[in-house]
Amino acid sequence: MPDEEHQRLGVMPTPDDGARLSDTPAWDESTRPRRRPSPEGVVYTEQGRQLGKHLVDVHDMLRRELEELRHLLEQVRQGAVEAGQARSALNEMAMRQNDWTLGAFCARYCRAVAGHHGLEDEAVFPHLAQSEAALAPVIERLTEEHVVIGDALDAVDRALVQHINHREDFAPIQQAIDFLTDALLSHLSYEEHQLVEPLARLGFYAGQV
């Protein structure tokens, strides 16, 4: 039914392929509440469709930048190996620059995710819960997952500081980014499946649709 619903809407949520990088699960996905499908006779406006699509578009940006962050970490790892083998001043400087580039990207990405979730928690989620009481369990779960992801972002920040002070040890930063990857990709997919359709009917704020 949810797939048929999204086909009627014309906006498909991003599936979760179930692949996980971390040995530590972010949460028990089997306990996630699911919303009731909307009636088949619901008519969506073009503006409503665009609002549902906007959530997917924002999430796609976060996914792309997460992939870029992972790629940057891999580049730094490869550069560290080369610098360690060559032991040249030039490579040492390049490695140090790569570390700070990684740090700057991490900081910017963490702010973007935190800002996105903060906006949802403060404005979008209360509006949806007030507009449709049946969404309350889903909203509560999404808010709880935001807390876990916030902790994961803090862990990335701490691991980055540790890496800069111990540049040959990549285990903590790799583990932190792997956990963040699992948590965030799982969360984004769940949120899309639960909220794309309600957003198309209710908007991001009262009176938008």
Protein backbone atom coordinates (compact mmCIF):
# COMPACT_ATOMS: atom_id res chain seq x y z
CA MET A 1 0.00 0.00 0.00
CA PRO A 2 2.68 2.62 0.81
CA ASP A 3 4.30 2.08 -2.59
CA GLU A 4 0.97 2.54 -4.36
CA GLU A 5 0.37 5.65 -2.29
CA HIS A 6 3.68 7.18 -3.31
CA GLN A 7 3.06 6.23 -6.93
CA ARG A 8 -0.22 8.17 -6.79
CA LEU A 9 1.67 11.07 -5.28
CA GLY A 10 4.42 10.82 -7.89
CA VAL A 11 7.23 11.05 -5.34
CA MET A 12 9.11 7.92 -4.27
CA PRO A 13 11.01 7.78 -0.98
CA THR A 14 14.59 6.54 -1.09
CA PRO A 15 14.81 2.85 -0.17
CA ASP A 16 17.16 1.61 2.52
CA ASP A 17 19.30 -1.19 1.06
CA GLY A 18 20.05 -2.53 4.55
CA ALA A 19 23.84 -2.35 4.11
CA ARG A 20 25.61 -1.47 7.36
CA LEU A 21 29.25 -0.54 7.98
CA SER A 22 29.38 -0.43 11.77
CA ASP A 23 29.21 -3.37 14.17
CA THR A 24 27.13 -1.20 16.52
CA PRO A 25 23.48 -0.67 15.49
CA ALA A 26 22.17 2.83 16.00
CA TRP A 27 18.76 1.55 17.17
CA ASP A 28 16.30 -1.32 16.80
CA GLU A 29 14.63 -0.64 13.46
CA SER A 30 11.92 -3.24 14.12
CA THR A 31 10.41 -0.98 16.81
CA ARG A 32 9.81 1.94 14.46
CA PRO A 33 6.15 2.98 14.27
CA ARG A 34 4.54 3.32 10.85
CA ARG A 35 1.85 5.74 9.83
CA ARG A 36 -1.47 4.67 8.36
CA PRO A 37 -1.68 5.04 4.56
CA SER A 38 -3.88 7.85 3.32
CA PRO A 39 -7.20 7.05 1.61
CA GLU A 40 -7.02 6.19 -2.08
CA GLY A 41 -9.21 9.16 -2.97
CA VAL A 42 -6.77 11.78 -1.72
CA VAL A 43 -5.99 14.39 -4.38
CA TYR A 44 -2.57 16.07 -4.30
CA THR A 45 -1.88 19.53 -5.63
CA GLU A 46 1.24 20.23 -7.66
CA GLN A 47 2.50 22.36 -4.80
CA GLY A 48 1.93 19.46 -2.43
CA ARG A 49 3.92 17.13 -4.68
CA GLN A 50 6.77 19.62 -4.76
CA LEU A 51 6.77 19.84 -0.96
CA GLY A 52 7.03 16.06 -0.67
CA LYS A 53 9.81 16.05 -3.25
CA HIS A 54 11.63 18.84 -1.41
CA LEU A 55 12.25 16.56 1.58
CA VAL A 56 13.82 13.95 -0.71
CA ASP A 57 15.91 16.63 -2.44
CA VAL A 58 17.29 17.93 0.87
CA HIS A 59 18.06 14.41 1.99
CA ASP A 60 19.77 13.67 -1.32
CA MET A 61 22.07 16.62 -0.69
CA LEU A 62 22.96 15.21 2.73
CA ARG A 63 23.58 11.79 1.18
CA ARG A 64 25.85 13.23 -1.52
CA GLU A 65 27.88 15.21 1.00
CA LEU A 66 28.14 12.19 3.28
CA GLU A 67 29.59 10.24 0.37
CA GLU A 68 31.98 13.13 -0.29
CA LEU A 69 33.03 13.09 3.36
CA ARG A 70 33.74 9.36 3.17
CA HIS A 71 35.72 9.86 -0.04
CA LEU A 72 37.73 12.64 1.56
CA LEU A 73 38.56 10.43 4.53
CA GLU A 74 39.78 7.74 2.14
CA GLN A 75 41.98 10.29 0.33
CA VAL A 76 43.49 11.36 3.64
CA ARG A 77 44.16 7.74 4.54
CA GLN A 78 45.93 7.14 1.23
CA GLY A 79 47.91 10.36 1.63
CA ALA A 80 48.99 9.36 5.13
CA VAL A 81 50.35 6.08 3.86
CA GLU A 82 52.29 7.81 1.10
CA ALA A 83 53.64 10.47 3.44
CA GLY A 84 54.72 7.88 5.96
CA GLN A 85 56.60 5.95 3.32
CA ALA A 86 58.28 8.96 1.75
CA ARG A 87 59.05 10.87 4.97
CA SER A 88 59.49 14.07 3.00
CA ALA A 89 58.70 17.55 4.30
CA LEU A 90 56.51 18.22 1.26
CA ASN A 91 54.35 15.16 1.86
CA GLU A 92 54.12 15.94 5.57
CA MET A 93 52.76 19.39 4.72
CA ALA A 94 50.30 17.90 2.23
CA MET A 95 49.10 15.36 4.79
CA ARG A 96 48.58 18.09 7.39
CA GLN A 97 46.59 20.16 4.88
CA ASN A 98 44.43 17.15 4.04
CA ASP A 99 43.70 16.64 7.73
CA TRP A 100 42.51 20.24 8.09
CA THR A 101 40.45 19.95 4.90
CA LEU A 102 38.78 16.88 6.37
CA GLY A 103 38.19 18.80 9.59
CA ALA A 104 36.61 21.75 7.83
CA PHE A 105 34.35 19.50 5.76
CA CYS A 106 33.35 17.52 8.87
CA ALA A 107 32.47 20.71 10.72
CA ARG A 108 30.41 22.10 7.84
CA TYR A 109 28.60 18.82 7.25
CA CYS A 110 27.82 18.35 10.94
CA ARG A 111 26.37 21.87 11.08
CA ALA A 112 24.22 21.17 8.01
CA VAL A 113 22.75 17.96 9.46
CA ALA A 114 22.22 19.52 12.89
CA GLY A 115 20.55 22.56 11.31
CA HIS A 116 18.23 20.41 9.20
CA HIS A 117 17.18 18.33 12.19
CA GLY A 118 16.82 21.41 14.39
CA LEU A 119 14.39 22.99 11.92
CA GLU A 120 12.36 19.79 11.80
CA ASP A 121 12.25 19.45 15.60
CA GLU A 122 11.32 23.09 16.24
CA ALA A 123 8.83 23.77 13.44
CA VAL A 124 7.97 20.97 11.00
CA PHE A 125 7.39 18.11 13.45
CA PRO A 126 5.11 20.06 15.84
CA HIS A 127 3.03 21.26 12.87
CA LEU A 128 2.60 17.71 11.52
CA ALA A 129 1.75 16.22 14.93
CA GLN A 130 -0.84 18.96 15.58
CA SER A 131 -2.34 18.60 12.12
CA GLU A 132 -2.63 14.81 12.20
CA ALA A 133 -2.65 13.17 15.63
CA ALA A 134 -1.99 9.70 14.16
CA LEU A 135 1.49 10.89 13.15
CA ALA A 136 2.52 11.52 16.78
CA PRO A 137 4.26 8.13 17.35
CA VAL A 138 6.26 8.54 14.14
CA ILE A 139 7.21 12.11 15.03
CA GLU A 140 8.31 11.02 18.50
CA ARG A 141 10.50 8.27 17.03
CA LEU A 142 12.05 10.59 14.46
CA THR A 143 12.85 13.08 17.22
CA GLU A 144 14.51 10.33 19.27
CA GLU A 145 16.61 9.34 16.26
CA HIS A 146 17.70 12.96 15.86
CA VAL A 147 19.20 12.73 19.36
CA VAL A 148 21.16 9.59 18.41
CA ILE A 149 22.41 11.25 15.23
CA GLY A 150 23.36 14.35 17.20
CA ASP A 151 25.47 12.16 19.48
CA ALA A 152 27.00 10.53 16.39
CA LEU A 153 27.95 13.96 15.01
CA ASP A 154 29.60 14.82 18.34
CA ALA A 155 31.49 11.51 18.19
CA VAL A 156 32.80 12.38 14.71
CA ASP A 157 34.01 15.72 16.04
CA ARG A 158 35.82 14.09 18.97
CA ALA A 159 37.35 11.44 16.71
CA LEU A 160 38.55 14.12 14.32
CA VAL A 161 40.34 15.95 17.14
CA GLN A 162 41.92 12.68 18.22
CA HIS A 163 43.01 11.95 14.64
CA ILE A 164 44.64 15.35 14.21
CA ASN A 165 46.66 14.69 17.37
CA HIS A 166 47.45 11.10 16.30
CA ARG A 167 47.50 11.30 12.52
CA GLU A 168 48.48 7.71 11.83
CA ASP A 169 45.53 6.29 13.82
CA PHE A 170 42.47 6.23 11.58
CA ALA A 171 40.42 3.67 13.52
CA PRO A 172 38.41 6.11 15.70
CA ILE A 173 37.50 8.51 12.90
CA GLN A 174 36.64 5.65 10.53
CA GLN A 175 34.43 3.99 13.16
CA ALA A 176 32.70 7.27 13.98
CA ILE A 177 31.95 8.08 10.34
CA ASP A 178 30.81 4.51 9.64
CA PHE A 179 28.34 4.70 12.55
CA LEU A 180 27.10 8.10 11.39
CA THR A 181 26.68 6.74 7.87
CA ASP A 182 24.55 3.81 9.04
CA ALA A 183 22.42 5.93 11.34
CA LEU A 184 21.86 8.80 8.95
CA LEU A 185 21.07 6.77 5.82
CA SER A 186 18.67 4.57 7.77
CA HIS A 187 16.99 7.59 9.34
CA LEU A 188 16.63 9.56 6.11
CA SER A 189 14.93 6.66 4.36
CA TYR A 190 12.57 6.01 7.28
CA GLU A 191 11.66 9.68 7.50
CA GLU A 192 10.91 9.90 3.78
CA HIS A 193 8.67 6.82 3.86
CA GLN A 194 6.73 8.26 6.80
CA LEU A 195 6.57 11.98 5.97
CA VAL A 196 6.73 12.55 2.19
CA GLU A 197 3.03 11.85 1.79
CA PRO A 198 1.83 13.80 4.87
CA LEU A 199 3.97 16.77 3.84
CA ALA A 200 2.25 16.74 0.44
CA ARG A 201 -1.12 17.07 2.21
CA LEU A 202 -0.20 19.22 5.22
CA GLY A 203 2.87 21.22 4.16
CA PHE A 204 5.86 22.19 6.26
CA TYR A 205 3.77 24.76 8.12
CA ALA A 206 0.12 25.66 8.58
CA GLY A 207 -1.57 27.15 5.53
CA GLN A 208 1.22 26.22 3.11
CA VAL A 209 -0.89 23.76 1.09
